[in-house]
PDB file of N, CA and C in Angstrom:
ATOM      1  N   MET A   1      21.033  -2.721  -8.239  1.00  0.00           N
ATOM      2  CA  MET A   1      22.261  -2.945  -7.539  1.00  0.00           C
ATOM      3  C   MET A   1      23.423  -2.987  -8.528  1.00  0.00           C
ATOM      4  N   LEU A   2      23.200  -3.641  -9.636  1.00  0.00           N
ATOM      5  CA  LEU A   2      24.274  -3.749 -10.625  1.00  0.00           C
ATOM      6  C   LEU A   2      24.613  -2.373 -11.205  1.00  0.00           C
ATOM      7  N   SER A   3      23.603  -1.566 -11.471  1.00  0.00           N
ATOM      8  CA  SER A   3      23.878  -0.229 -12.007  1.00  0.00           C
ATOM      9  C   SER A   3      24.638   0.611 -10.978  1.00  0.00           C
ATOM     10  N   HIS A   4      24.314   0.430  -9.698  1.00  0.00           N
ATOM     11  CA  HIS A   4      25.052   1.147  -8.654  1.00  0.00           C
ATOM     12  C   HIS A   4      26.520   0.708  -8.645  1.00  0.00           C
ATOM     13  N   ALA A   5      26.748  -0.575  -8.796  1.00  0.00           N
ATOM     14  CA  ALA A   5      28.119  -1.084  -8.813  1.00  0.00           C
ATOM     15  C   ALA A   5      28.910  -0.474  -9.978  1.00  0.00           C
ATOM     16  N   TYR A   6      28.277  -0.370 -11.132  1.00  0.00           N
ATOM     17  CA  TYR A   6      28.951   0.245 -12.277  1.00  0.00           C
ATOM     18  C   TYR A   6      29.238   1.724 -12.016  1.00  0.00           C
ATOM     19  N   ALA A   7      28.292   2.418 -11.397  1.00  0.00           N
ATOM     20  CA  ALA A   7      28.491   3.832 -11.088  1.00  0.00           C
ATOM     21  C   ALA A   7      29.629   4.020 -10.082  1.00  0.00           C
ATOM     22  N   VAL A   8      29.703   3.152  -9.084  1.00  0.00           N
ATOM     23  CA  VAL A   8      30.784   3.215  -8.094  1.00  0.00           C
ATOM     24  C   VAL A   8      32.133   3.002  -8.770  1.00  0.00           C
ATOM     25  N   LYS A   9      32.201   2.002  -9.617  1.00  0.00           N
ATOM     26  CA  LYS A   9      33.456   1.705 -10.322  1.00  0.00           C
ATOM     27  C   LYS A   9      33.895   2.902 -11.163  1.00  0.00           C
ATOM     28  N   LEU A  10      32.965   3.472 -11.918  1.00  0.00           N
ATOM     29  CA  LEU A  10      33.277   4.632 -12.749  1.00  0.00           C
ATOM     30  C   LEU A  10      33.731   5.803 -11.894  1.00  0.00           C
ATOM     31  N   TYR A  11      33.015   6.069 -10.814  1.00  0.00           N
ATOM     32  CA  TYR A  11      33.388   7.191  -9.947  1.00  0.00           C
ATOM     33  C   TYR A  11      34.778   6.999  -9.360  1.00  0.00           C
ATOM     34  N   ARG A  12      35.042   5.808  -8.860  1.00  0.00           N
ATOM     35  CA  ARG A  12      36.351   5.546  -8.249  1.00  0.00           C
ATOM     36  C   ARG A  12      37.488   5.675  -9.261  1.00  0.00           C
ATOM     37  N   GLU A  13      37.257   5.226 -10.477  1.00  0.00           N
ATOM     38  CA  GLU A  13      38.305   5.254 -11.495  1.00  0.00           C
ATOM     39  C   GLU A  13      38.495   6.631 -12.121  1.00  0.00           C
ATOM     40  N   GLU A  14      37.412   7.394 -12.274  1.00  0.00           N
ATOM     41  CA  GLU A  14      37.488   8.640 -13.039  1.00  0.00           C
ATOM     42  C   GLU A  14      37.435   9.923 -12.203  1.00  0.00           C
ATOM     43  N   PHE A  15      36.788   9.895 -11.053  1.00  0.00           N
ATOM     44  CA  PHE A  15      36.509  11.156 -10.369  1.00  0.00           C
ATOM     45  C   PHE A  15      37.002  11.240  -8.924  1.00  0.00           C
ATOM     46  N   GLN A  16      37.092  10.137  -8.218  1.00  0.00           N
ATOM     47  CA  GLN A  16      37.350  10.181  -6.784  1.00  0.00           C
ATOM     48  C   GLN A  16      38.696  10.812  -6.451  1.00  0.00           C
ATOM     49  N   THR A  17      39.714  10.525  -7.236  1.00  0.00           N
ATOM     50  CA  THR A  17      41.028  11.097  -6.931  1.00  0.00           C
ATOM     51  C   THR A  17      41.024  12.621  -7.047  1.00  0.00           C
ATOM     52  N   HIS A  18      40.200  13.173  -7.938  1.00  0.00           N
ATOM     53  CA  HIS A  18      40.130  14.622  -8.128  1.00  0.00           C
ATOM     54  C   HIS A  18      39.185  15.274  -7.132  1.00  0.00           C
ATOM     55  N   GLN A  19      38.078  14.609  -6.838  1.00  0.00           N
ATOM     56  CA  GLN A  19      37.064  15.196  -5.979  1.00  0.00           C
ATOM     57  C   GLN A  19      37.230  14.818  -4.512  1.00  0.00           C
ATOM     58  N   GLY A  20      37.795  13.651  -4.245  1.00  0.00           N
ATOM     59  CA  GLY A  20      38.023  13.228  -2.875  1.00  0.00           C
ATOM     60  C   GLY A  20      36.773  12.899  -2.074  1.00  0.00           C
ATOM     61  N   GLU A  21      35.681  12.696  -2.734  1.00  0.00           N
ATOM     62  CA  GLU A  21      34.420  12.398  -2.048  1.00  0.00           C
ATOM     63  C   GLU A  21      34.224  10.900  -1.885  1.00  0.00           C
ATOM     64  N   GLN A  22      33.181  10.533  -1.159  1.00  0.00           N
ATOM     65  CA  GLN A  22      32.808   9.137  -0.970  1.00  0.00           C
ATOM     66  C   GLN A  22      31.500   8.872  -1.708  1.00  0.00           C
ATOM     67  N   ILE A  23      31.260   7.607  -1.994  1.00  0.00           N
ATOM     68  CA  ILE A  23      30.002   7.217  -2.620  1.00  0.00           C
ATOM     69  C   ILE A  23      29.388   6.107  -1.779  1.00  0.00           C
ATOM     70  N   GLY A  24      28.077   6.133  -1.648  1.00  0.00           N
ATOM     71  CA  GLY A  24      27.383   5.132  -0.836  1.00  0.00           C
ATOM     72  C   GLY A  24      26.062   4.754  -1.473  1.00  0.00           C
ATOM     73  N   ILE A  25      25.270   4.032  -0.728  1.00  0.00           N
ATOM     74  CA  ILE A  25      23.958   3.625  -1.223  1.00  0.00           C
ATOM     75  C   ILE A  25      22.976   3.627  -0.061  1.00  0.00           C
ATOM     76  N   THR A  26      21.757   4.007  -0.351  1.00  0.00           N
ATOM     77  CA  THR A  26      20.673   3.947   0.618  1.00  0.00           C
ATOM     78  C   THR A  26      19.575   3.101   0.015  1.00  0.00           C
ATOM     79  N   LEU A  27      19.205   2.066   0.703  1.00  0.00           N
ATOM     80  CA  LEU A  27      18.139   1.188   0.220  1.00  0.00           C
ATOM     81  C   LEU A  27      16.822   1.605   0.845  1.00  0.00           C
ATOM     82  N   ASN A  28      15.765   1.467   0.102  1.00  0.00           N
ATOM     83  CA  ASN A  28      14.442   1.823   0.591  1.00  0.00           C
ATOM     84  C   ASN A  28      13.650   0.558   0.865  1.00  0.00           C
ATOM     85  N   GLY A  29      12.912   0.561   1.937  1.00  0.00           N
ATOM     86  CA  GLY A  29      12.026  -0.553   2.242  1.00  0.00           C
ATOM     87  C   GLY A  29      10.816  -0.053   2.997  1.00  0.00           C
ATOM     88  N   ASP A  30       9.667  -0.511   2.631  1.00  0.00           N
ATOM     89  CA  ASP A  30       8.448  -0.122   3.331  1.00  0.00           C
ATOM     90  C   ASP A  30       8.336  -0.907   4.631  1.00  0.00           C
ATOM     91  N   TRP A  31       7.925  -0.241   5.685  1.00  0.00           N
ATOM     92  CA  TRP A  31       7.766  -0.886   6.981  1.00  0.00           C
ATOM     93  C   TRP A  31       6.361  -1.453   7.090  1.00  0.00           C
ATOM     94  N   ALA A  32       6.224  -2.561   7.781  1.00  0.00           N
ATOM     95  CA  ALA A  32       4.910  -3.188   7.957  1.00  0.00           C
ATOM     96  C   ALA A  32       4.739  -3.572   9.424  1.00  0.00           C
ATOM     97  N   ILE A  33       3.561  -3.311   9.945  1.00  0.00           N
ATOM     98  CA  ILE A  33       3.221  -3.754  11.297  1.00  0.00           C
ATOM     99  C   ILE A  33       1.928  -4.543  11.219  1.00  0.00           C
ATOM    100  N   PRO A  34       1.761  -5.513  12.110  1.00  0.00           N
ATOM    101  CA  PRO A  34       0.531  -6.309  12.067  1.00  0.00           C
ATOM    102  C   PRO A  34      -0.690  -5.468  12.428  1.00  0.00           C
ATOM    103  N   TYR A  35      -1.807  -5.793  11.819  1.00  0.00           N
ATOM    104  CA  TYR A  35      -3.070  -5.109  12.104  1.00  0.00           C
ATOM    105  C   TYR A  35      -3.478  -5.335  13.553  1.00  0.00           C
ATOM    106  N   ASP A  36      -3.246  -6.552  14.030  1.00  0.00           N
ATOM    107  CA  ASP A  36      -3.529  -6.901  15.416  1.00  0.00           C
ATOM    108  C   ASP A  36      -2.547  -7.980  15.858  1.00  0.00           C
ATOM    109  N   ASP A  37      -2.795  -8.579  17.011  1.00  0.00           N
ATOM    110  CA  ASP A  37      -1.851  -9.558  17.548  1.00  0.00           C
ATOM    111  C   ASP A  37      -2.113 -10.989  17.097  1.00  0.00           C
ATOM    112  N   SER A  38      -2.950 -11.170  16.087  1.00  0.00           N
ATOM    113  CA  SER A  38      -3.224 -12.527  15.623  1.00  0.00           C
ATOM    114  C   SER A  38      -1.973 -13.086  14.939  1.00  0.00           C
ATOM    115  N   PRO A  39      -1.727 -14.373  15.106  1.00  0.00           N
ATOM    116  CA  PRO A  39      -0.536 -14.979  14.484  1.00  0.00           C
ATOM    117  C   PRO A  39      -0.487 -14.776  12.968  1.00  0.00           C
ATOM    118  N   GLU A  40      -1.644 -14.800  12.316  1.00  0.00           N
ATOM    119  CA  GLU A  40      -1.680 -14.624  10.861  1.00  0.00           C
ATOM    120  C   GLU A  40      -1.201 -13.234  10.462  1.00  0.00           C
ATOM    121  N   ASN A  41      -1.645 -12.212  11.195  1.00  0.00           N
ATOM    122  CA  ASN A  41      -1.240 -10.853  10.858  1.00  0.00           C
ATOM    123  C   ASN A  41       0.216 -10.581  11.230  1.00  0.00           C
ATOM    124  N   ILE A  42       0.678 -11.177  12.312  1.00  0.00           N
ATOM    125  CA  ILE A  42       2.089 -11.047  12.670  1.00  0.00           C
ATOM    126  C   ILE A  42       2.954 -11.685  11.592  1.00  0.00           C
ATOM    127  N   GLU A  43       2.573 -12.863  11.138  1.00  0.00           N
ATOM    128  CA  GLU A  43       3.321 -13.552  10.078  1.00  0.00           C
ATOM    129  C   GLU A  43       3.282 -12.765   8.770  1.00  0.00           C
ATOM    130  N   ALA A  44       2.120 -12.203   8.445  1.00  0.00           N
ATOM    131  CA  ALA A  44       1.997 -11.423   7.206  1.00  0.00           C
ATOM    132  C   ALA A  44       2.885 -10.180   7.254  1.00  0.00           C
ATOM    133  N   ALA A  45       2.924  -9.508   8.392  1.00  0.00           N
ATOM    134  CA  ALA A  45       3.767  -8.320   8.520  1.00  0.00           C
ATOM    135  C   ALA A  45       5.244  -8.697   8.401  1.00  0.00           C
ATOM    136  N   GLN A  46       5.631  -9.798   9.026  1.00  0.00           N
ATOM    137  CA  GLN A  46       7.024 -10.240   8.940  1.00  0.00           C
ATOM    138  C   GLN A  46       7.385 -10.605   7.504  1.00  0.00           C
ATOM    139  N   HIS A  47       6.471 -11.266   6.821  1.00  0.00           N
ATOM    140  CA  HIS A  47       6.715 -11.630   5.419  1.00  0.00           C
ATOM    141  C   HIS A  47       6.887 -10.374   4.566  1.00  0.00           C
ATOM    142  N   ALA A  48       6.042  -9.370   4.802  1.00  0.00           N
ATOM    143  CA  ALA A  48       6.159  -8.121   4.044  1.00  0.00           C
ATOM    144  C   ALA A  48       7.523  -7.477   4.279  1.00  0.00           C
ATOM    145  N   LEU A  49       7.992  -7.479   5.517  1.00  0.00           N
ATOM    146  CA  LEU A  49       9.317  -6.926   5.807  1.00  0.00           C
ATOM    147  C   LEU A  49      10.416  -7.739   5.129  1.00  0.00           C
ATOM    148  N   ASP A  50      10.289  -9.057   5.187  1.00  0.00           N
ATOM    149  CA  ASP A  50      11.287  -9.919   4.544  1.00  0.00           C
ATOM    150  C   ASP A  50      11.393  -9.616   3.060  1.00  0.00           C
ATOM    151  N   VAL A  51      10.247  -9.442   2.417  1.00  0.00           N
ATOM    152  CA  VAL A  51      10.244  -9.236   0.968  1.00  0.00           C
ATOM    153  C   VAL A  51      10.736  -7.844   0.603  1.00  0.00           C
ATOM    154  N   THR A  52      10.294  -6.812   1.329  1.00  0.00           N
ATOM    155  CA  THR A  52      10.678  -5.448   0.932  1.00  0.00           C
ATOM    156  C   THR A  52      12.081  -5.083   1.364  1.00  0.00           C
ATOM    157  N   ILE A  53      12.509  -5.553   2.530  1.00  0.00           N
ATOM    158  CA  ILE A  53      13.826  -5.178   3.027  1.00  0.00           C
ATOM    159  C   ILE A  53      14.852  -6.277   2.758  1.00  0.00           C
ATOM    160  N   GLY A  54      14.408  -7.509   2.766  1.00  0.00           N
ATOM    161  CA  GLY A  54      15.330  -8.634   2.611  1.00  0.00           C
ATOM    162  C   GLY A  54      15.703  -8.982   1.196  1.00  0.00           C
ATOM    163  N   THR A  55      15.122  -8.287   0.221  1.00  0.00           N
ATOM    164  CA  THR A  55      15.434  -8.605  -1.174  1.00  0.00           C
ATOM    165  C   THR A  55      16.145  -7.432  -1.826  1.00  0.00           C
ATOM    166  N   SER A  56      17.404  -7.335  -1.580  1.00  0.00           N
ATOM    167  CA  SER A  56      18.187  -6.241  -2.148  1.00  0.00           C
ATOM    168  C   SER A  56      18.971  -6.712  -3.361  1.00  0.00           C
ATOM    169  N   GLY A  57      18.291  -7.368  -4.263  1.00  0.00           N
ATOM    170  CA  GLY A  57      18.936  -7.806  -5.488  1.00  0.00           C
ATOM    171  C   GLY A  57      19.046  -9.313  -5.555  1.00  0.00           C
ATOM    172  N   PRO A  58      19.482  -9.813  -6.698  1.00  0.00           N
ATOM    173  CA  PRO A  58      19.607 -11.259  -6.871  1.00  0.00           C
ATOM    174  C   PRO A  58      20.515 -11.878  -5.816  1.00  0.00           C
ATOM    175  N   GLY A  59      20.025 -12.867  -5.120  1.00  0.00           N
ATOM    176  CA  GLY A  59      20.801 -13.503  -4.068  1.00  0.00           C
ATOM    177  C   GLY A  59      20.787 -12.752  -2.759  1.00  0.00           C
ATOM    178  N   PHE A  60      20.145 -11.598  -2.738  1.00  0.00           N
ATOM    179  CA  PHE A  60      19.992 -10.790  -1.525  1.00  0.00           C
ATOM    180  C   PHE A  60      21.333 -10.539  -0.842  1.00  0.00           C
ATOM    181  N   PRO A  61      22.328 -10.008  -1.556  1.00  0.00           N
ATOM    182  CA  PRO A  61      23.682  -9.924  -0.994  1.00  0.00           C
ATOM    183  C   PRO A  61      23.814  -9.040   0.234  1.00  0.00           C
ATOM    184  N   ILE A  62      23.106  -7.930   0.296  1.00  0.00           N
ATOM    185  CA  ILE A  62      23.272  -7.032   1.441  1.00  0.00           C
ATOM    186  C   ILE A  62      22.673  -7.659   2.686  1.00  0.00           C
ATOM    187  N   PHE A  63      21.475  -8.240   2.560  1.00  0.00           N
ATOM    188  CA  PHE A  63      20.864  -8.899   3.715  1.00  0.00           C
ATOM    189  C   PHE A  63      21.742 -10.040   4.193  1.00  0.00           C
ATOM    190  N   GLN A  64      22.272 -10.812   3.267  1.00  0.00           N
ATOM    191  CA  GLN A  64      23.140 -11.924   3.639  1.00  0.00           C
ATOM    192  C   GLN A  64      24.399 -11.417   4.327  1.00  0.00           C
ATOM    193  N   LYS A  65      24.943 -10.311   3.863  1.00  0.00           N
ATOM    194  CA  LYS A  65      26.163  -9.752   4.466  1.00  0.00           C
ATOM    195  C   LYS A  65      25.891  -9.339   5.912  1.00  0.00           C
ATOM    196  N   LEU A  66      24.733  -8.758   6.164  1.00  0.00           N
ATOM    197  CA  LEU A  66      24.407  -8.287   7.507  1.00  0.00           C
ATOM    198  C   LEU A  66      24.048  -9.420   8.452  1.00  0.00           C
ATOM    199  N   THR A  67      23.366 -10.436   7.951  1.00  0.00           N
ATOM    200  CA  THR A  67      22.830 -11.469   8.834  1.00  0.00           C
ATOM    201  C   THR A  67      23.428 -12.848   8.595  1.00  0.00           C
ATOM    202  N   ASN A  68      24.198 -12.989   7.539  1.00  0.00           N
ATOM    203  CA  ASN A  68      24.775 -14.274   7.146  1.00  0.00           C
ATOM    204  C   ASN A  68      23.710 -15.280   6.721  1.00  0.00           C
ATOM    205  N   ARG A  69      22.534 -14.796   6.360  1.00  0.00           N
ATOM    206  CA  ARG A  69      21.472 -15.671   5.858  1.00  0.00           C
ATOM    207  C   ARG A  69      20.415 -14.798   5.187  1.00  0.00           C
ATOM    208  N   SER A  70      19.532 -15.438   4.439  1.00  0.00           N
ATOM    209  CA  SER A  70      18.386 -14.758   3.854  1.00  0.00           C
ATOM    210  C   SER A  70      17.149 -15.151   4.636  1.00  0.00           C
ATOM    211  N   PRO A  71      16.120 -14.286   4.679  1.00  0.00           N
ATOM    212  CA  PRO A  71      14.887 -14.670   5.358  1.00  0.00           C
ATOM    213  C   PRO A  71      14.300 -15.916   4.694  1.00  0.00           C
ATOM    214  N   LEU A  72      13.861 -16.876   5.485  1.00  0.00           N
ATOM    215  CA  LEU A  72      13.342 -18.125   4.950  1.00  0.00           C
ATOM    216  C   LEU A  72      12.181 -17.889   3.997  1.00  0.00           C
ATOM    217  N   SER A  73      11.278 -16.981   4.347  1.00  0.00           N
ATOM    218  CA  SER A  73      10.132 -16.740   3.470  1.00  0.00           C
ATOM    219  C   SER A  73      10.581 -16.210   2.112  1.00  0.00           C
ATOM    220  N   VAL A  74      11.656 -15.447   2.088  1.00  0.00           N
ATOM    221  CA  VAL A  74      12.169 -14.917   0.822  1.00  0.00           C
ATOM    222  C   VAL A  74      12.851 -16.019   0.024  1.00  0.00           C
ATOM    223  N   VAL A  75      13.581 -16.900   0.706  1.00  0.00           N
ATOM    224  CA  VAL A  75      14.216 -18.023   0.023  1.00  0.00           C
ATOM    225  C   VAL A  75      13.158 -18.902  -0.629  1.00  0.00           C
ATOM    226  N   VAL A  76      12.077 -19.175   0.087  1.00  0.00           N
ATOM    227  CA  VAL A  76      10.985 -19.984  -0.452  1.00  0.00           C
ATOM    228  C   VAL A  76      10.355 -19.284  -1.657  1.00  0.00           C
ATOM    229  N   LEU A  77      10.086 -17.988  -1.524  1.00  0.00           N
ATOM    230  CA  LEU A  77       9.502 -17.226  -2.629  1.00  0.00           C
ATOM    231  C   LEU A  77      10.428 -17.230  -3.837  1.00  0.00           C
ATOM    232  N   TRP A  78      11.732 -17.018  -3.617  1.00  0.00           N
ATOM    233  CA  TRP A  78      12.719 -17.028  -4.702  1.00  0.00           C
ATOM    234  C   TRP A  78      12.724 -18.380  -5.406  1.00  0.00           C
ATOM    235  N   HIS A  79      12.660 -19.455  -4.619  1.00  0.00           N
ATOM    236  CA  HIS A  79      12.640 -20.795  -5.200  1.00  0.00           C
ATOM    237  C   HIS A  79      11.373 -20.996  -6.034  1.00  0.00           C
ATOM    238  N   GLN A  80      10.244 -20.558  -5.522  1.00  0.00           N
ATOM    239  CA  GLN A  80       8.991 -20.697  -6.265  1.00  0.00           C
ATOM    240  C   GLN A  80       9.066 -19.921  -7.573  1.00  0.00           C
ATOM    241  N   MET A  81       9.628 -18.742  -7.545  1.00  0.00           N
ATOM    242  CA  MET A  81       9.752 -17.944  -8.774  1.00  0.00           C
ATOM    243  C   MET A  81      10.670 -18.642  -9.776  1.00  0.00           C
ATOM    244  N   THR A  82      11.737 -19.255  -9.286  1.00  0.00           N
ATOM    245  CA  THR A  82      12.677 -19.968 -10.159  1.00  0.00           C
ATOM    246  C   THR A  82      12.008 -21.178 -10.784  1.00  0.00           C
ATOM    247  N   VAL A  83      11.243 -21.912  -9.981  1.00  0.00           N
ATOM    248  CA  VAL A  83      10.561 -23.112 -10.476  1.00  0.00           C
ATOM    249  C   VAL A  83       9.502 -22.737 -11.496  1.00  0.00           C
ATOM    250  N   LEU A  84       8.784 -21.646 -11.255  1.00  0.00           N
ATOM    251  CA  LEU A  84       7.692 -21.262 -12.137  1.00  0.00           C
ATOM    252  C   LEU A  84       8.158 -20.517 -13.385  1.00  0.00           C
ATOM    253  N   ARG A  85       9.405 -20.046 -13.402  1.00  0.00           N
ATOM    254  CA  ARG A  85       9.919 -19.294 -14.533  1.00  0.00           C
ATOM    255  C   ARG A  85      10.018 -20.184 -15.753  1.00  0.00           C
ATOM    256  N   PRO A  86       9.459 -19.756 -16.878  1.00  0.00           N
ATOM    257  CA  PRO A  86       9.575 -20.587 -18.089  1.00  0.00           C
ATOM    258  C   PRO A  86      11.017 -20.687 -18.549  1.00  0.00           C
ATOM    259  N   SER A  87      11.364 -21.844 -19.075  1.00  0.00           N
ATOM    260  CA  SER A  87      12.755 -22.037 -19.526  1.00  0.00           C
ATOM    261  C   SER A  87      12.921 -21.663 -20.976  1.00  0.00           C
TER     262      SER A  87
END
């Protein structure tokens, strides 16, 4: 995400006035569906979606912009990673 931001800034400052084009971003996320209707598989599929689509960089800015919140499972995972990270 940060490298994209730098590329956008460079394009806008150096090339956009001459080329007149637009720049955008497409995020990739793998889709997940539950194997069956069991609560465990439904929860696992939702968690997979939260992690692959809901984590668009540190702080999940794009997901937060769209929904005004981050998926709870991702917030918990992020917290666990922060706690477990060596100082």
